[in-house]
N, C-alpha and C. Protein backbone atom coordinates (compact mmCIF):
# COMPACT_ATOMS: atom_id res chain seq x y z
N LYS A 1 1.37 10.26 16.15
CA LYS A 1 1.43 9.67 14.81
C LYS A 1 2.53 10.35 14.00
N LEU A 2 3.21 9.54 13.19
CA LEU A 2 4.28 10.09 12.36
C LEU A 2 3.71 10.62 11.06
N THR A 3 4.29 11.69 10.58
CA THR A 3 3.92 12.24 9.28
C THR A 3 5.19 12.55 8.53
N GLY A 4 5.04 12.96 7.30
CA GLY A 4 6.22 13.33 6.51
C GLY A 4 6.75 12.17 5.72
N GLU A 5 8.04 12.27 5.36
CA GLU A 5 8.65 11.28 4.48
C GLU A 5 8.57 9.86 5.01
N ASN A 6 8.83 9.65 6.30
CA ASN A 6 8.89 8.31 6.85
C ASN A 6 7.53 7.66 7.00
N ALA A 7 6.45 8.43 6.92
CA ALA A 7 5.12 7.86 7.10
C ALA A 7 4.82 6.80 6.06
N ALA A 8 5.29 6.95 4.83
CA ALA A 8 5.02 5.99 3.78
C ALA A 8 6.21 5.06 3.53
N ALA A 9 7.24 5.17 4.32
CA ALA A 9 8.42 4.31 4.16
C ALA A 9 8.06 2.89 4.58
N PRO A 10 8.72 1.90 3.99
CA PRO A 10 8.45 0.51 4.38
C PRO A 10 8.73 0.30 5.86
N GLN A 11 7.96 -0.58 6.46
CA GLN A 11 8.18 -0.94 7.85
C GLN A 11 8.75 -2.34 7.92
N LEU A 12 9.76 -2.51 8.76
CA LEU A 12 10.46 -3.78 8.88
C LEU A 12 10.05 -4.43 10.20
N VAL A 13 9.74 -5.73 10.12
CA VAL A 13 9.28 -6.47 11.28
C VAL A 13 10.04 -7.78 11.35
N LYS A 14 10.48 -8.15 12.55
CA LYS A 14 11.09 -9.45 12.77
C LYS A 14 10.33 -10.10 13.92
N VAL A 15 9.76 -11.27 13.66
CA VAL A 15 8.91 -11.93 14.65
C VAL A 15 9.30 -13.40 14.81
N GLY A 16 8.93 -13.96 15.94
CA GLY A 16 9.25 -15.36 16.26
C GLY A 16 8.09 -16.29 15.97
N CYS A 17 7.81 -16.51 14.70
CA CYS A 17 6.78 -17.47 14.30
C CYS A 17 7.10 -17.98 12.90
N ASP A 18 6.28 -18.87 12.38
CA ASP A 18 6.52 -19.35 11.02
C ASP A 18 5.82 -18.44 10.01
N LYS A 19 6.12 -18.66 8.74
CA LYS A 19 5.60 -17.80 7.67
C LYS A 19 4.08 -17.84 7.61
N ALA A 20 3.49 -19.01 7.79
CA ALA A 20 2.04 -19.15 7.71
C ALA A 20 1.35 -18.31 8.78
N LYS A 21 1.86 -18.35 10.01
CA LYS A 21 1.28 -17.57 11.11
C LYS A 21 1.42 -16.06 10.83
N ALA A 22 2.59 -15.65 10.32
CA ALA A 22 2.81 -14.24 10.00
C ALA A 22 1.82 -13.78 8.92
N GLU A 23 1.64 -14.59 7.89
CA GLU A 23 0.69 -14.23 6.82
C GLU A 23 -0.73 -14.12 7.35
N GLU A 24 -1.10 -15.02 8.24
CA GLU A 24 -2.44 -15.00 8.84
C GLU A 24 -2.67 -13.69 9.60
N ILE A 25 -1.68 -13.25 10.34
CA ILE A 25 -1.78 -12.01 11.11
C ILE A 25 -1.82 -10.80 10.17
N LEU A 26 -0.94 -10.79 9.17
CA LEU A 26 -0.88 -9.66 8.23
C LEU A 26 -2.14 -9.54 7.39
N ASP A 27 -2.80 -10.65 7.12
CA ASP A 27 -4.04 -10.62 6.34
C ASP A 27 -5.14 -9.80 7.02
N ASN A 28 -5.04 -9.60 8.31
CA ASN A 28 -6.04 -8.86 9.07
C ASN A 28 -5.74 -7.36 9.19
N ILE A 29 -4.72 -6.90 8.48
CA ILE A 29 -4.37 -5.47 8.51
C ILE A 29 -4.59 -4.91 7.10
N PRO A 30 -5.75 -4.27 6.88
CA PRO A 30 -6.12 -3.83 5.52
C PRO A 30 -5.24 -2.74 4.93
N GLU A 31 -4.51 -1.99 5.76
CA GLU A 31 -3.67 -0.90 5.25
C GLU A 31 -2.47 -1.40 4.45
N ILE A 32 -2.12 -2.66 4.60
CA ILE A 32 -0.94 -3.22 3.93
C ILE A 32 -1.22 -3.37 2.44
N LYS A 33 -0.39 -2.72 1.63
CA LYS A 33 -0.53 -2.80 0.18
C LYS A 33 0.33 -3.91 -0.41
N GLU A 34 1.48 -4.11 0.19
CA GLU A 34 2.43 -5.11 -0.32
C GLU A 34 3.28 -5.59 0.85
N ARG A 35 3.73 -6.83 0.75
CA ARG A 35 4.59 -7.37 1.81
C ARG A 35 5.54 -8.41 1.24
N GLN A 36 6.71 -8.48 1.85
CA GLN A 36 7.68 -9.53 1.52
C GLN A 36 8.01 -10.23 2.84
N ILE A 37 8.01 -11.55 2.80
CA ILE A 37 8.29 -12.33 4.00
C ILE A 37 9.47 -13.25 3.70
N VAL A 38 10.48 -13.20 4.56
CA VAL A 38 11.66 -14.04 4.43
C VAL A 38 11.78 -14.87 5.70
N THR A 39 11.89 -16.19 5.54
CA THR A 39 12.03 -17.08 6.68
C THR A 39 13.51 -17.26 7.01
N ARG A 40 13.85 -17.04 8.26
CA ARG A 40 15.21 -17.25 8.77
C ARG A 40 15.18 -18.48 9.67
N ASP A 41 16.32 -18.79 10.29
CA ASP A 41 16.41 -19.98 11.14
C ASP A 41 15.36 -20.01 12.25
N ASP A 42 15.30 -18.94 13.03
CA ASP A 42 14.42 -18.93 14.19
C ASP A 42 13.39 -17.81 14.17
N CYS A 43 13.21 -17.15 13.02
CA CYS A 43 12.27 -16.04 12.95
C CYS A 43 11.82 -15.80 11.51
N VAL A 44 10.94 -14.83 11.38
CA VAL A 44 10.46 -14.40 10.07
C VAL A 44 10.72 -12.90 9.97
N GLU A 45 11.31 -12.46 8.86
CA GLU A 45 11.54 -11.04 8.61
C GLU A 45 10.55 -10.57 7.56
N ILE A 46 9.86 -9.48 7.86
CA ILE A 46 8.78 -8.99 7.00
C ILE A 46 9.05 -7.54 6.64
N THR A 47 8.84 -7.21 5.37
CA THR A 47 8.86 -5.82 4.92
C THR A 47 7.45 -5.50 4.47
N VAL A 48 6.87 -4.45 5.06
CA VAL A 48 5.49 -4.08 4.80
C VAL A 48 5.47 -2.71 4.12
N HIS A 49 4.70 -2.60 3.05
CA HIS A 49 4.53 -1.33 2.34
C HIS A 49 3.09 -0.87 2.49
N CYS A 50 2.92 0.39 2.88
CA CYS A 50 1.59 0.98 3.03
C CYS A 50 1.71 2.50 2.92
N ASP A 51 0.59 3.19 2.97
CA ASP A 51 0.59 4.65 2.81
C ASP A 51 0.81 5.41 4.11
N SER A 52 0.81 4.72 5.23
CA SER A 52 0.98 5.40 6.51
C SER A 52 1.80 4.53 7.45
N ASP A 53 2.17 5.10 8.56
CA ASP A 53 2.94 4.37 9.58
C ASP A 53 1.97 3.49 10.35
N ILE A 54 2.12 2.17 10.23
CA ILE A 54 1.22 1.25 10.92
C ILE A 54 1.97 0.40 11.94
N ARG A 55 3.09 0.90 12.43
CA ARG A 55 3.86 0.13 13.41
C ARG A 55 3.03 -0.23 14.63
N GLU A 56 2.19 0.67 15.09
CA GLU A 56 1.37 0.39 16.26
C GLU A 56 0.42 -0.79 15.98
N LYS A 57 -0.21 -0.77 14.81
CA LYS A 57 -1.11 -1.87 14.44
C LYS A 57 -0.35 -3.19 14.31
N LEU A 58 0.84 -3.13 13.70
CA LEU A 58 1.64 -4.34 13.57
C LEU A 58 2.01 -4.90 14.94
N SER A 59 2.43 -4.03 15.82
CA SER A 59 2.81 -4.44 17.17
C SER A 59 1.64 -5.11 17.89
N LYS A 60 0.50 -4.44 17.89
CA LYS A 60 -0.68 -5.00 18.56
C LYS A 60 -1.10 -6.33 17.94
N ALA A 61 -1.02 -6.44 16.63
CA ALA A 61 -1.44 -7.67 15.96
C ALA A 61 -0.56 -8.85 16.36
N PHE A 62 0.75 -8.67 16.32
CA PHE A 62 1.65 -9.79 16.65
C PHE A 62 1.64 -10.11 18.13
N VAL A 63 1.71 -9.08 18.97
CA VAL A 63 1.70 -9.32 20.41
C VAL A 63 0.36 -9.91 20.84
N GLY A 64 -0.73 -9.42 20.25
CA GLY A 64 -2.06 -9.94 20.55
C GLY A 64 -2.23 -11.41 20.18
N ALA A 65 -1.46 -11.85 19.17
CA ALA A 65 -1.49 -13.25 18.74
C ALA A 65 -0.45 -14.08 19.48
N ASP A 66 0.15 -13.48 20.52
CA ASP A 66 1.17 -14.15 21.35
C ASP A 66 2.40 -14.56 20.54
N VAL A 67 2.77 -13.70 19.60
CA VAL A 67 3.96 -13.93 18.78
C VAL A 67 5.05 -12.97 19.25
N PRO A 68 6.24 -13.49 19.59
CA PRO A 68 7.33 -12.60 20.02
C PRO A 68 7.71 -11.61 18.91
N LEU A 69 7.81 -10.36 19.28
CA LEU A 69 8.17 -9.29 18.36
C LEU A 69 9.61 -8.90 18.65
N TYR A 70 10.52 -9.22 17.73
CA TYR A 70 11.95 -8.97 17.94
C TYR A 70 12.40 -7.61 17.43
N MET A 71 11.75 -7.11 16.37
CA MET A 71 12.14 -5.83 15.80
C MET A 71 10.94 -5.23 15.06
N LEU A 72 10.81 -3.92 15.17
CA LEU A 72 9.77 -3.21 14.44
C LEU A 72 10.28 -1.79 14.23
N LYS A 73 10.54 -1.42 12.98
CA LYS A 73 11.06 -0.09 12.69
C LYS A 73 10.70 0.32 11.28
N THR A 74 10.81 1.61 11.03
CA THR A 74 10.61 2.15 9.69
C THR A 74 11.95 2.07 8.97
N ALA A 75 11.90 1.59 7.75
CA ALA A 75 13.12 1.46 6.96
C ALA A 75 13.64 2.84 6.58
N THR A 76 14.95 2.98 6.61
CA THR A 76 15.57 4.22 6.14
C THR A 76 16.39 3.87 4.90
N PRO A 77 16.30 4.69 3.86
CA PRO A 77 17.03 4.38 2.63
C PRO A 77 18.54 4.46 2.84
N THR A 78 19.25 3.60 2.13
CA THR A 78 20.71 3.63 2.17
C THR A 78 21.20 4.81 1.33
N LEU A 79 22.45 5.16 1.51
CA LEU A 79 23.04 6.23 0.72
C LEU A 79 22.97 5.90 -0.77
N GLU A 80 23.19 4.64 -1.10
CA GLU A 80 23.12 4.22 -2.50
C GLU A 80 21.71 4.40 -3.06
N GLU A 81 20.67 4.05 -2.29
CA GLU A 81 19.30 4.22 -2.75
C GLU A 81 18.96 5.70 -2.95
N ILE A 82 19.42 6.55 -2.06
CA ILE A 82 19.20 7.99 -2.21
C ILE A 82 19.88 8.51 -3.47
N PHE A 83 21.14 8.09 -3.68
CA PHE A 83 21.89 8.50 -4.86
C PHE A 83 21.17 8.06 -6.14
N LEU A 84 20.71 6.82 -6.18
CA LEU A 84 20.02 6.32 -7.37
C LEU A 84 18.73 7.09 -7.64
N LYS A 85 18.00 7.47 -6.59
CA LYS A 85 16.79 8.27 -6.78
C LYS A 85 17.13 9.64 -7.36
N ILE A 86 18.20 10.24 -6.87
CA ILE A 86 18.59 11.57 -7.35
C ILE A 86 18.99 11.53 -8.82
N ILE A 87 19.83 10.56 -9.19
CA ILE A 87 20.29 10.53 -10.59
C ILE A 87 19.21 10.05 -11.55
N SER A 88 18.20 9.34 -11.04
CA SER A 88 17.13 8.89 -11.92
C SER A 88 16.01 9.93 -12.01
N GLY A 89 16.14 11.04 -11.25
CA GLY A 89 15.14 12.10 -11.31
C GLY A 89 13.95 11.86 -10.41
N GLU A 90 13.99 10.89 -9.51
CA GLU A 90 12.89 10.60 -8.61
C GLU A 90 13.03 11.36 -7.31
N THR A 91 13.24 12.65 -7.40
CA THR A 91 13.40 13.44 -6.17
C THR A 91 12.55 14.68 -6.26
N ASP A 92 12.15 15.19 -5.11
CA ASP A 92 11.34 16.40 -5.04
C ASP A 92 12.20 17.66 -5.02
N MET A 93 13.51 17.50 -4.94
CA MET A 93 14.40 18.66 -4.85
C MET A 93 14.38 19.40 -6.18
N ASN A 94 14.14 20.70 -6.13
CA ASN A 94 14.16 21.47 -7.37
C ASN A 94 15.45 22.28 -7.46
N VAL A 95 15.64 22.91 -8.59
CA VAL A 95 16.89 23.62 -8.86
C VAL A 95 17.12 24.75 -7.87
N SER A 96 16.08 25.48 -7.49
CA SER A 96 16.27 26.61 -6.58
C SER A 96 16.76 26.15 -5.21
N GLU A 97 16.27 25.00 -4.72
CA GLU A 97 16.76 24.48 -3.44
C GLU A 97 18.24 24.16 -3.53
N THR A 98 18.67 23.56 -4.64
CA THR A 98 20.08 23.23 -4.82
C THR A 98 20.91 24.51 -4.87
N SER A 99 20.43 25.51 -5.59
CA SER A 99 21.15 26.78 -5.68
C SER A 99 21.26 27.46 -4.33
N ASP A 100 20.18 27.43 -3.54
CA ASP A 100 20.20 28.03 -2.20
C ASP A 100 21.26 27.37 -1.33
N ARG A 101 21.40 26.06 -1.43
CA ARG A 101 22.40 25.36 -0.64
C ARG A 101 23.81 25.79 -1.04
N LYS A 102 24.04 25.96 -2.35
CA LYS A 102 25.37 26.38 -2.82
C LYS A 102 25.70 27.77 -2.31
N VAL A 103 24.71 28.67 -2.34
CA VAL A 103 24.92 30.03 -1.85
C VAL A 103 25.23 29.99 -0.36
N GLU A 104 24.47 29.20 0.40
CA GLU A 104 24.70 29.10 1.84
C GLU A 104 26.10 28.57 2.13
N GLN A 105 26.55 27.57 1.38
CA GLN A 105 27.88 27.01 1.58
C GLN A 105 28.95 28.05 1.26
N THR A 106 28.76 28.84 0.22
CA THR A 106 29.71 29.88 -0.17
C THR A 106 29.80 30.94 0.91
N GLU A 107 28.64 31.39 1.42
CA GLU A 107 28.63 32.40 2.47
C GLU A 107 29.35 31.89 3.72
N THR A 108 29.15 30.65 4.07
CA THR A 108 29.82 30.06 5.24
C THR A 108 31.33 30.06 5.02
N ALA A 109 31.77 29.71 3.84
CA ALA A 109 33.20 29.69 3.54
C ALA A 109 33.78 31.10 3.62
N ASP A 110 33.06 32.10 3.11
CA ASP A 110 33.53 33.49 3.15
C ASP A 110 33.68 33.97 4.59
N ILE A 111 32.75 33.66 5.44
CA ILE A 111 32.80 34.08 6.84
C ILE A 111 34.00 33.43 7.52
N SER A 112 34.25 32.16 7.24
CA SER A 112 35.38 31.47 7.84
C SER A 112 36.70 32.12 7.43
N GLU A 113 36.82 32.52 6.18
CA GLU A 113 38.05 33.16 5.70
C GLU A 113 38.24 34.52 6.37
N GLU A 114 37.15 35.26 6.60
CA GLU A 114 37.24 36.56 7.26
C GLU A 114 37.73 36.37 8.69
N ASN A 115 37.25 35.37 9.38
CA ASN A 115 37.65 35.11 10.76
C ASN A 115 39.11 34.75 10.87
N ARG A 116 39.65 34.06 9.88
CA ARG A 116 41.06 33.71 9.90
C ARG A 116 41.93 34.95 9.85
N GLY A 117 41.51 35.97 9.13
CA GLY A 117 42.26 37.21 9.02
C GLY A 117 42.29 37.96 10.34
N ASP A 118 41.24 37.84 11.15
CA ASP A 118 41.17 38.52 12.45
C ASP A 118 42.13 37.91 13.46
N GLU A 119 42.44 36.62 13.31
CA GLU A 119 43.27 35.91 14.28
C GLU A 119 44.74 36.30 14.17
N GLU A 120 45.17 36.80 13.03
CA GLU A 120 46.59 37.11 12.81
C GLU A 120 47.03 38.35 13.46
């Protein structure tokens, strides 16, 4: 089982059925808090929001209903989404973590400069 940040990340599903069939299957998974369903030409794309990783349940539900499962993965935020969370203050990073990173970067730069002097 997955834990950590990705456990509560949205799960993306692409299946080969119509919207009504997808909704019927999703209605039987109580862990789902929210869902968005988009109909494409030959499939349905679903974004599922819940508190835990339910990919296994999603897989069993669709395959058990004899629905082709084309894709099933945990969504990863884009660089833009991460940036927007940071500037809006929706991040767990505190000031000391940021300071530690700056110190580590400075120490790495100092070591690199020392090594260059040895090569001459």
